[in-house]
Amino acid sequence: MATSWFSIVFTSLVALALVLIPLPEAVQVHNPQWLLLVVIFWSLYRPAQAGLLYAWVAGLMLDVATNGLLGLNALMFTLTAFLVLSLRQRLGVAPLLSQALLVAGFTLIYLMVSLWVEGVATDLVSMATYLSRALSNLAAWPVIYFLLSRIASVAER
């Protein structure tokens, strides 16, 4: 149990660090939502330890670390975790490609609601940016899945 919590906290902090690494603007728009992917994984595979409260705390940490609108990521991570938890039985047994497509869908919902809450005017360029982030999460999900699956299996021993 303690190693499971350590794994969850450690991977969340690594994902937060990946989010905070300054990148050139051309690369930044294609950067996956690392912390969101980690929250989705742990909500899917360790719902008892990483449920809605974990998602809220992770989102709040991201809000504070990025100096964003306080509570926005907390709300969106919690909403995403709720969707993952409600679809957990079907999503957990789905093939990896289906999971990746659903993760991209969750990311689009996350980004669109964030865009709406922030009140940003949507133009074609920003919509392409948001679609690019969803596609980045689609591509990054198999990597996150395999890495965190290995960490989770080591934590169980």
Protein backbone atom coordinates (compact mmCIF):
# COMPACT_ATOMS: atom_id res chain seq x y z
CA MET A 1 0.00 0.00 0.00
CA ALA A 2 2.77 2.46 0.93
CA THR A 3 4.75 1.63 -2.20
CA SER A 4 1.60 2.12 -4.25
CA TRP A 5 1.15 5.60 -2.79
CA PHE A 6 4.83 6.34 -3.33
CA SER A 7 4.49 5.31 -6.99
CA ILE A 8 1.46 7.53 -7.48
CA VAL A 9 3.08 10.56 -5.84
CA PHE A 10 6.44 10.02 -7.55
CA THR A 11 4.97 9.67 -11.05
CA SER A 12 2.70 12.67 -10.47
CA LEU A 13 5.67 14.82 -9.44
CA VAL A 14 7.67 13.66 -12.47
CA ALA A 15 4.71 14.51 -14.73
CA LEU A 16 4.40 17.93 -13.08
CA ALA A 17 8.11 18.51 -13.68
CA LEU A 18 7.66 17.56 -17.36
CA VAL A 19 4.85 20.11 -17.63
CA LEU A 20 7.04 22.83 -16.10
CA ILE A 21 10.08 22.29 -18.35
CA PRO A 22 10.36 25.38 -20.55
CA LEU A 23 10.21 24.46 -24.21
CA PRO A 24 10.23 26.53 -27.40
CA GLU A 25 6.76 27.69 -28.41
CA ALA A 26 6.77 25.50 -31.54
CA VAL A 27 7.33 22.40 -29.39
CA GLN A 28 5.21 23.50 -26.42
CA VAL A 29 1.96 23.42 -28.41
CA HIS A 30 2.56 19.74 -29.19
CA ASN A 31 3.60 18.81 -25.66
CA PRO A 32 1.28 16.17 -24.16
CA GLN A 33 -0.66 16.91 -20.99
CA TRP A 34 1.65 14.72 -18.90
CA LEU A 35 -0.05 15.20 -15.56
CA LEU A 36 -3.48 14.61 -17.06
CA LEU A 37 -2.24 11.33 -18.58
CA VAL A 38 -0.85 10.22 -15.22
CA VAL A 39 -4.13 11.12 -13.48
CA ILE A 40 -6.07 9.13 -16.08
CA PHE A 41 -3.79 6.11 -15.68
CA TRP A 42 -3.91 6.00 -11.88
CA SER A 43 -7.66 6.68 -11.82
CA LEU A 44 -8.12 3.77 -14.19
CA TYR A 45 -5.81 1.25 -12.54
CA ARG A 46 -5.74 2.32 -8.88
CA PRO A 47 -9.15 3.89 -8.25
CA ALA A 48 -9.03 3.16 -4.51
CA GLN A 49 -5.82 5.13 -4.06
CA ALA A 50 -6.18 7.65 -6.91
CA GLY A 51 -9.77 8.72 -7.22
CA LEU A 52 -11.44 12.10 -7.40
CA LEU A 53 -9.55 13.60 -4.46
CA TYR A 54 -6.22 12.66 -6.04
CA ALA A 55 -7.30 14.22 -9.35
CA TRP A 56 -8.38 17.41 -7.58
CA VAL A 57 -5.09 17.71 -5.67
CA ALA A 58 -3.06 17.03 -8.85
CA GLY A 59 -5.01 19.70 -10.72
CA LEU A 60 -4.59 22.16 -7.87
CA MET A 61 -0.83 21.48 -7.86
CA LEU A 62 -0.77 22.23 -11.59
CA ASP A 63 -2.75 25.44 -11.09
CA VAL A 64 -0.34 26.65 -8.41
CA ALA A 65 2.79 25.55 -10.30
CA THR A 66 1.76 27.20 -13.58
CA ASN A 67 0.22 30.27 -11.94
CA GLY A 68 -2.99 29.52 -13.81
CA LEU A 69 -6.59 30.22 -12.90
CA LEU A 70 -6.77 28.66 -9.45
CA GLY A 71 -9.11 25.68 -9.44
CA LEU A 72 -9.52 25.33 -13.22
CA ASN A 73 -7.22 22.33 -13.64
CA ALA A 74 -8.46 20.95 -10.32
CA LEU A 75 -12.02 21.05 -11.65
CA MET A 76 -11.07 19.66 -15.05
CA PHE A 77 -8.89 16.86 -13.65
CA THR A 78 -11.72 15.89 -11.29
CA LEU A 79 -14.22 15.87 -14.17
CA THR A 80 -11.84 13.76 -16.27
CA ALA A 81 -11.23 11.34 -13.39
CA PHE A 82 -15.00 11.06 -12.90
CA LEU A 83 -15.44 10.14 -16.58
CA VAL A 84 -12.60 7.61 -16.34
CA LEU A 85 -14.00 6.09 -13.15
CA SER A 86 -17.49 5.83 -14.63
CA LEU A 87 -16.12 4.05 -17.73
CA ARG A 88 -13.42 2.13 -15.84
CA GLN A 89 -14.79 -1.39 -16.32
CA ARG A 90 -15.13 -0.97 -20.07
CA LEU A 91 -11.99 1.11 -20.50
CA GLY A 92 -9.76 -1.20 -18.45
CA VAL A 93 -10.34 -4.18 -20.75
CA ALA A 94 -10.30 -2.21 -24.00
CA PRO A 95 -7.39 -2.64 -26.42
CA LEU A 96 -4.62 -0.07 -26.10
CA LEU A 97 -5.64 1.74 -29.29
CA SER A 98 -9.21 2.12 -28.03
CA GLN A 99 -7.89 3.39 -24.71
CA ALA A 100 -5.68 5.90 -26.53
CA LEU A 101 -8.64 7.16 -28.57
CA LEU A 102 -10.71 7.57 -25.41
CA VAL A 103 -7.82 9.38 -23.72
CA ALA A 104 -7.69 11.73 -26.72
CA GLY A 105 -11.44 12.27 -26.31
CA PHE A 106 -11.04 12.99 -22.60
CA THR A 107 -8.26 15.43 -23.49
CA LEU A 108 -10.47 17.21 -26.01
CA ILE A 109 -13.23 17.54 -23.42
CA TYR A 110 -10.68 18.83 -20.89
CA LEU A 111 -9.25 21.36 -23.35
CA MET A 112 -12.58 22.57 -24.71
CA VAL A 113 -14.12 23.13 -21.29
CA SER A 114 -10.90 24.84 -20.16
CA LEU A 115 -11.09 27.07 -23.21
CA TRP A 116 -14.72 27.87 -22.46
CA VAL A 117 -14.08 28.61 -18.78
CA GLU A 118 -11.12 30.86 -19.56
CA GLY A 119 -13.29 32.74 -22.03
CA VAL A 120 -10.70 32.68 -24.79
CA ALA A 121 -11.95 33.59 -28.24
CA THR A 122 -11.57 30.55 -30.45
CA ASP A 123 -9.98 31.00 -33.81
CA LEU A 124 -8.75 28.44 -36.28
CA VAL A 125 -5.17 28.54 -35.00
CA SER A 126 -6.06 27.94 -31.35
CA MET A 127 -8.44 25.14 -32.30
CA ALA A 128 -5.61 23.49 -34.25
CA THR A 129 -3.42 23.87 -31.17
CA TYR A 130 -5.99 22.15 -28.98
CA LEU A 131 -6.44 19.37 -31.51
CA SER A 132 -2.66 18.99 -31.62
CA ARG A 133 -2.54 18.51 -27.85
CA ALA A 134 -5.23 15.84 -28.02
CA LEU A 135 -3.27 14.05 -30.74
CA SER A 136 -0.12 14.35 -28.62
CA ASN A 137 -1.94 12.66 -25.75
CA LEU A 138 -3.16 10.00 -28.17
CA ALA A 139 0.44 9.27 -29.15
CA ALA A 140 1.80 9.53 -25.59
CA TRP A 141 -0.79 7.24 -23.97
CA PRO A 142 0.87 3.91 -24.96
CA VAL A 143 4.19 5.15 -23.55
CA ILE A 144 2.58 6.31 -20.30
CA TYR A 145 0.59 3.08 -20.11
CA PHE A 146 3.63 0.83 -20.42
CA LEU A 147 5.85 2.87 -18.10
CA LEU A 148 3.26 3.23 -15.35
CA SER A 149 2.16 -0.40 -15.72
CA ARG A 150 5.72 -1.45 -14.98
CA ILE A 151 5.92 0.90 -12.01
CA ALA A 152 2.56 -0.33 -10.72
CA SER A 153 3.59 -3.99 -11.02
CA VAL A 154 6.86 -3.30 -9.17
CA ALA A 155 4.92 -1.45 -6.45
CA GLU A 156 2.66 -4.48 -5.95
CA ARG A 157 5.58 -6.78 -5.13
